[in-house]
């Protein structure tokens, strides 16, 4: 699957997608953006813009780390209790894993390594 098809896939899944050539070396990268149900703007950098990088992001997503990072912001800390943050990021991670499943079905594999998308 080429960059256009991958971009279309993410847009159909509700992401805003911004493609760019970060180092003028011909490698296309992307920032994909999606909001949690609680309203947290999540921007994911995919370098390069291939499905495997998204799958790695989801596999490495750590809910505790996300909560810790966001609770540094006093506004976030006053708007979200820890319980609300846990529910919000848990739901977001579940949705990301569902998107990985769809992506793998499109690719015909489970682990994201069968084909470069």
N, C-alpha and C. Protein backbone atom coordinates (compact mmCIF):
# COMPACT_ATOMS: atom_id res chain seq x y z
N UNK A 1 0.85 -1.18 0.00
CA UNK A 1 0.00 0.00 0.00
C UNK A 1 0.89 1.24 0.00
N UNK A 2 0.60 2.17 -0.86
CA UNK A 2 1.43 3.37 -0.94
C UNK A 2 0.99 4.41 0.09
N UNK A 3 1.72 5.52 0.14
CA UNK A 3 1.43 6.57 1.12
C UNK A 3 0.02 7.12 0.98
N UNK A 4 -0.45 7.27 -0.26
CA UNK A 4 -1.80 7.81 -0.45
C UNK A 4 -2.87 6.89 0.14
N UNK A 5 -2.71 5.59 -0.07
CA UNK A 5 -3.67 4.63 0.47
C UNK A 5 -3.60 4.58 1.99
N UNK A 6 -2.40 4.65 2.54
CA UNK A 6 -2.23 4.65 3.98
C UNK A 6 -2.82 5.93 4.58
N UNK A 7 -2.59 7.05 3.93
CA UNK A 7 -3.17 8.31 4.39
C UNK A 7 -4.70 8.22 4.36
N UNK A 8 -5.25 7.68 3.30
CA UNK A 8 -6.70 7.52 3.18
C UNK A 8 -7.23 6.62 4.29
N UNK A 9 -6.52 5.53 4.59
CA UNK A 9 -6.93 4.63 5.67
C UNK A 9 -7.03 5.40 6.98
N UNK A 10 -5.99 6.15 7.34
CA UNK A 10 -5.99 6.88 8.61
C UNK A 10 -7.08 7.96 8.62
N UNK A 11 -7.28 8.63 7.52
CA UNK A 11 -8.33 9.64 7.46
C UNK A 11 -9.71 9.00 7.65
N UNK A 12 -9.92 7.83 7.07
CA UNK A 12 -11.19 7.12 7.26
C UNK A 12 -11.37 6.69 8.71
N UNK A 13 -10.28 6.54 9.44
CA UNK A 13 -10.34 6.18 10.86
C UNK A 13 -10.42 7.41 11.76
N UNK A 14 -10.57 8.59 11.17
CA UNK A 14 -10.78 9.81 11.94
C UNK A 14 -9.53 10.57 12.31
N UNK A 15 -8.40 10.25 11.71
CA UNK A 15 -7.16 10.98 11.96
C UNK A 15 -7.03 12.16 11.00
N UNK A 16 -6.42 13.23 11.48
CA UNK A 16 -5.92 14.27 10.59
C UNK A 16 -4.50 13.83 10.23
N UNK A 17 -4.13 13.93 8.97
CA UNK A 17 -2.83 13.43 8.51
C UNK A 17 -2.07 14.56 7.83
N UNK A 18 -0.83 14.76 8.27
CA UNK A 18 0.05 15.74 7.65
C UNK A 18 1.32 15.00 7.22
N UNK A 19 1.55 14.91 5.92
CA UNK A 19 2.75 14.26 5.38
C UNK A 19 3.83 15.30 5.14
N UNK A 20 5.08 14.89 5.33
CA UNK A 20 6.19 15.80 5.06
C UNK A 20 7.46 15.00 4.82
N UNK A 21 8.40 15.64 4.16
CA UNK A 21 9.74 15.08 3.93
C UNK A 21 10.64 15.78 4.93
N UNK A 22 10.91 15.11 6.02
CA UNK A 22 11.58 15.74 7.15
C UNK A 22 13.00 16.20 6.84
N UNK A 23 13.77 15.42 6.11
CA UNK A 23 15.18 15.74 5.92
C UNK A 23 15.55 15.90 4.45
N UNK A 24 14.58 16.15 3.63
CA UNK A 24 14.83 16.29 2.19
C UNK A 24 15.59 15.09 1.63
N UNK A 25 15.34 13.92 2.20
CA UNK A 25 16.01 12.71 1.73
C UNK A 25 15.06 11.77 0.99
N UNK A 26 13.86 12.25 0.72
CA UNK A 26 12.90 11.44 0.00
C UNK A 26 12.09 10.50 0.88
N UNK A 27 12.39 10.45 2.19
CA UNK A 27 11.62 9.61 3.10
C UNK A 27 10.42 10.42 3.60
N UNK A 28 9.25 9.90 3.31
CA UNK A 28 8.03 10.59 3.73
C UNK A 28 7.70 10.20 5.16
N UNK A 29 7.45 11.21 5.97
CA UNK A 29 7.05 11.03 7.36
C UNK A 29 5.65 11.60 7.52
N UNK A 30 5.05 11.37 8.68
CA UNK A 30 3.70 11.90 8.91
C UNK A 30 3.48 12.19 10.38
N UNK A 31 2.68 13.22 10.61
CA UNK A 31 2.08 13.44 11.91
C UNK A 31 0.61 13.09 11.73
N UNK A 32 0.14 12.14 12.53
CA UNK A 32 -1.28 11.81 12.48
C UNK A 32 -1.87 12.22 13.82
N UNK A 33 -3.04 12.82 13.76
CA UNK A 33 -3.64 13.42 14.95
C UNK A 33 -5.04 12.87 15.18
N UNK A 34 -5.30 12.53 16.42
CA UNK A 34 -6.63 12.04 16.81
C UNK A 34 -6.88 12.49 18.24
N UNK A 35 -8.12 12.74 18.55
CA UNK A 35 -8.50 13.19 19.88
C UNK A 35 -9.04 12.02 20.69
N UNK A 36 -8.72 12.01 21.98
CA UNK A 36 -9.34 11.03 22.87
C UNK A 36 -10.79 11.44 23.10
N UNK A 37 -11.57 10.55 23.66
CA UNK A 37 -12.97 10.90 23.97
C UNK A 37 -13.05 12.04 24.96
N UNK A 38 -12.04 12.16 25.83
CA UNK A 38 -12.01 13.24 26.82
C UNK A 38 -11.51 14.56 26.27
N UNK A 39 -11.06 14.58 25.01
CA UNK A 39 -10.64 15.82 24.39
C UNK A 39 -9.15 16.08 24.40
N UNK A 40 -8.34 15.06 24.61
CA UNK A 40 -6.89 15.22 24.58
C UNK A 40 -6.42 15.04 23.14
N UNK A 41 -5.68 16.03 22.65
CA UNK A 41 -5.16 16.01 21.29
C UNK A 41 -3.89 15.15 21.26
N UNK A 42 -3.97 14.02 20.57
CA UNK A 42 -2.84 13.09 20.48
C UNK A 42 -2.24 13.19 19.08
N UNK A 43 -0.98 13.57 19.02
CA UNK A 43 -0.26 13.66 17.75
C UNK A 43 0.81 12.58 17.74
N UNK A 44 0.75 11.74 16.72
CA UNK A 44 1.64 10.60 16.60
C UNK A 44 2.57 10.85 15.42
N UNK A 45 3.87 10.82 15.66
CA UNK A 45 4.85 11.00 14.59
C UNK A 45 5.24 9.64 14.05
N UNK A 46 5.05 9.45 12.76
CA UNK A 46 5.44 8.21 12.09
C UNK A 46 6.61 8.52 11.16
N UNK A 47 7.77 8.00 11.51
CA UNK A 47 9.00 8.27 10.78
C UNK A 47 9.66 6.95 10.45
N UNK A 48 9.58 6.42 9.26
CA UNK A 48 8.86 6.88 8.06
C UNK A 48 7.36 6.53 8.16
N UNK A 49 6.63 7.01 7.19
CA UNK A 49 5.18 6.82 7.16
C UNK A 49 4.86 5.44 6.59
N UNK A 50 4.95 4.44 7.47
CA UNK A 50 4.59 3.07 7.11
C UNK A 50 3.77 2.49 8.25
N UNK A 51 2.96 1.49 7.93
CA UNK A 51 2.07 0.88 8.91
C UNK A 51 2.85 0.32 10.10
N UNK A 52 4.00 -0.26 9.83
CA UNK A 52 4.79 -0.88 10.90
C UNK A 52 5.11 0.12 12.01
N UNK A 53 5.37 1.37 11.67
CA UNK A 53 5.68 2.39 12.68
C UNK A 53 4.46 2.69 13.55
N UNK A 54 3.28 2.70 12.95
CA UNK A 54 2.06 2.90 13.73
C UNK A 54 1.84 1.72 14.67
N UNK A 55 2.04 0.52 14.16
CA UNK A 55 1.86 -0.68 14.97
C UNK A 55 2.84 -0.67 16.14
N UNK A 56 4.08 -0.26 15.90
CA UNK A 56 5.07 -0.15 16.97
C UNK A 56 4.62 0.87 18.02
N UNK A 57 4.08 2.01 17.55
CA UNK A 57 3.59 3.03 18.49
C UNK A 57 2.51 2.45 19.40
N UNK A 58 1.56 1.74 18.80
CA UNK A 58 0.47 1.17 19.57
C UNK A 58 0.99 0.10 20.53
N UNK A 59 1.90 -0.74 20.07
CA UNK A 59 2.47 -1.78 20.94
C UNK A 59 3.21 -1.19 22.13
N UNK A 60 3.84 -0.04 21.93
CA UNK A 60 4.64 0.58 22.98
C UNK A 60 3.86 1.62 23.79
N UNK A 61 2.60 1.86 23.44
CA UNK A 61 1.78 2.86 24.12
C UNK A 61 1.65 2.48 25.60
N UNK A 62 2.02 3.38 26.48
CA UNK A 62 1.97 3.13 27.92
C UNK A 62 1.01 4.13 28.56
N UNK A 63 -0.10 3.63 29.03
CA UNK A 63 -1.14 4.48 29.60
C UNK A 63 -0.61 5.28 30.79
N UNK A 64 0.14 4.63 31.67
CA UNK A 64 0.70 5.33 32.83
C UNK A 64 1.60 6.49 32.41
N UNK A 65 2.46 6.25 31.42
CA UNK A 65 3.35 7.32 30.92
C UNK A 65 2.55 8.47 30.34
N UNK A 66 1.50 8.16 29.60
CA UNK A 66 0.66 9.22 29.01
C UNK A 66 0.01 10.06 30.10
N UNK A 67 -0.52 9.40 31.12
CA UNK A 67 -1.15 10.13 32.23
C UNK A 67 -0.12 11.01 32.93
N UNK A 68 1.04 10.44 33.23
CA UNK A 68 2.10 11.21 33.89
C UNK A 68 2.50 12.43 33.06
N UNK A 69 2.68 12.23 31.77
CA UNK A 69 3.11 13.33 30.90
C UNK A 69 2.06 14.44 30.84
N UNK A 70 0.80 14.06 30.78
CA UNK A 70 -0.26 15.08 30.67
C UNK A 70 -0.55 15.76 32.00
N UNK A 71 -0.35 15.06 33.10
CA UNK A 71 -0.64 15.66 34.41
C UNK A 71 0.41 16.68 34.83
N UNK A 72 1.47 16.82 34.07
CA UNK A 72 2.43 17.89 34.31
C UNK A 72 1.77 19.25 34.06
N UNK A 73 0.85 19.26 33.10
CA UNK A 73 0.13 20.49 32.74
C UNK A 73 -0.94 20.79 33.81
N UNK A 74 -0.82 21.92 34.49
CA UNK A 74 -1.79 22.24 35.55
C UNK A 74 -3.25 22.28 35.05
N UNK A 75 -3.46 22.73 33.83
CA UNK A 75 -4.82 22.79 33.30
C UNK A 75 -5.38 21.37 33.12
N UNK A 76 -4.57 20.48 32.57
CA UNK A 76 -5.01 19.09 32.42
C UNK A 76 -5.29 18.49 33.79
N UNK A 77 -4.41 18.73 34.72
CA UNK A 77 -4.54 18.16 36.07
C UNK A 77 -5.82 18.64 36.75
N UNK A 78 -6.22 19.88 36.49
CA UNK A 78 -7.45 20.39 37.10
C UNK A 78 -8.69 19.91 36.35
N UNK A 79 -8.55 19.57 35.07
CA UNK A 79 -9.69 19.13 34.26
C UNK A 79 -9.96 17.63 34.37
N UNK A 80 -8.94 16.83 34.68
CA UNK A 80 -9.06 15.37 34.70
C UNK A 80 -8.59 14.80 36.02
N UNK A 81 -9.43 14.02 36.67
CA UNK A 81 -8.96 13.24 37.81
C UNK A 81 -8.12 12.09 37.25
N UNK A 82 -7.37 11.44 38.11
CA UNK A 82 -6.58 10.30 37.65
C UNK A 82 -7.52 9.22 37.11
N UNK A 83 -8.63 9.00 37.76
CA UNK A 83 -9.59 7.99 37.31
C UNK A 83 -10.13 8.34 35.92
N UNK A 84 -10.45 9.62 35.69
CA UNK A 84 -10.94 10.03 34.37
C UNK A 84 -9.86 9.88 33.30
N UNK A 85 -8.63 10.23 33.66
CA UNK A 85 -7.51 10.10 32.72
C UNK A 85 -7.28 8.63 32.38
N UNK A 86 -7.34 7.77 33.38
CA UNK A 86 -7.15 6.34 33.14
C UNK A 86 -8.22 5.80 32.19
N UNK A 87 -9.45 6.18 32.42
CA UNK A 87 -10.55 5.74 31.55
C UNK A 87 -10.35 6.27 30.13
N UNK A 88 -9.97 7.54 30.01
CA UNK A 88 -9.80 8.17 28.71
C UNK A 88 -8.68 7.51 27.91
N UNK A 89 -7.51 7.35 28.51
CA UNK A 89 -6.37 6.77 27.79
C UNK A 89 -6.53 5.27 27.56
N UNK A 90 -7.22 4.60 28.46
CA UNK A 90 -7.50 3.18 28.23
C UNK A 90 -8.40 3.02 27.01
N UNK A 91 -9.44 3.84 26.94
CA UNK A 91 -10.33 3.81 25.78
C UNK A 91 -9.61 4.15 24.49
N UNK A 92 -8.72 5.14 24.55
CA UNK A 92 -7.94 5.53 23.38
C UNK A 92 -7.06 4.38 22.92
N UNK A 93 -6.40 3.71 23.85
CA UNK A 93 -5.52 2.60 23.50
C UNK A 93 -6.31 1.44 22.89
N UNK A 94 -7.48 1.17 23.42
CA UNK A 94 -8.34 0.12 22.86
C UNK A 94 -8.69 0.46 21.42
N UNK A 95 -9.05 1.73 21.16
CA UNK A 95 -9.37 2.14 19.78
C UNK A 95 -8.16 2.00 18.86
N UNK A 96 -6.98 2.37 19.35
CA UNK A 96 -5.77 2.22 18.54
C UNK A 96 -5.54 0.76 18.18
N UNK A 97 -5.74 -0.14 19.14
CA UNK A 97 -5.55 -1.56 18.86
C UNK A 97 -6.58 -2.07 17.85
N UNK A 98 -7.78 -1.54 17.89
CA UNK A 98 -8.80 -1.91 16.89
C UNK A 98 -8.37 -1.44 15.50
N UNK A 99 -7.77 -0.27 15.43
CA UNK A 99 -7.29 0.25 14.15
C UNK A 99 -6.14 -0.62 13.64
N UNK A 100 -5.26 -1.06 14.52
CA UNK A 100 -4.17 -1.97 14.12
C UNK A 100 -4.76 -3.25 13.54
N UNK A 101 -5.81 -3.78 14.16
CA UNK A 101 -6.46 -4.99 13.64
C UNK A 101 -6.98 -4.78 12.23
N UNK A 102 -7.62 -3.64 11.99
CA UNK A 102 -8.12 -3.33 10.64
C UNK A 102 -6.96 -3.22 9.65
N UNK A 103 -5.91 -2.57 10.09
CA UNK A 103 -4.73 -2.39 9.24
C UNK A 103 -4.12 -3.74 8.88
N UNK A 104 -4.01 -4.61 9.85
CA UNK A 104 -3.45 -5.94 9.60
C UNK A 104 -4.35 -6.76 8.66
N UNK A 105 -5.65 -6.62 8.80
CA UNK A 105 -6.56 -7.33 7.89
C UNK A 105 -6.37 -6.86 6.45
N UNK A 106 -6.16 -5.55 6.29
CA UNK A 106 -5.92 -5.00 4.95
C UNK A 106 -4.62 -5.55 4.36
N UNK A 107 -3.64 -5.77 5.24
CA UNK A 107 -2.32 -6.22 4.80
C UNK A 107 -2.26 -7.72 4.65
N UNK A 108 -3.18 -8.44 5.29
CA UNK A 108 -3.18 -9.89 5.22
C UNK A 108 -2.28 -10.55 6.24
N UNK A 109 -1.86 -9.82 7.28
CA UNK A 109 -1.00 -10.40 8.30
C UNK A 109 -1.41 -10.00 9.68
N UNK A 110 -0.76 -10.55 10.69
CA UNK A 110 -1.05 -10.22 12.08
C UNK A 110 -0.06 -9.26 12.68
N UNK A 111 1.21 -9.39 12.33
CA UNK A 111 2.24 -8.65 13.04
C UNK A 111 2.74 -7.41 12.31
N UNK A 112 2.18 -7.11 11.16
CA UNK A 112 2.59 -5.93 10.44
C UNK A 112 3.88 -6.07 9.67
N UNK A 113 4.41 -7.30 9.53
CA UNK A 113 5.70 -7.45 8.86
C UNK A 113 5.58 -8.12 7.49
N UNK A 114 4.39 -8.56 7.11
CA UNK A 114 4.26 -9.27 5.84
C UNK A 114 4.50 -8.37 4.64
N UNK A 115 3.94 -7.18 4.71
CA UNK A 115 4.09 -6.25 3.60
C UNK A 115 4.34 -4.87 4.17
N UNK A 116 5.09 -4.06 3.44
CA UNK A 116 5.25 -2.66 3.81
C UNK A 116 4.04 -1.91 3.32
N UNK A 117 3.41 -1.21 4.22
CA UNK A 117 2.26 -0.38 3.82
C UNK A 117 2.63 1.06 4.07
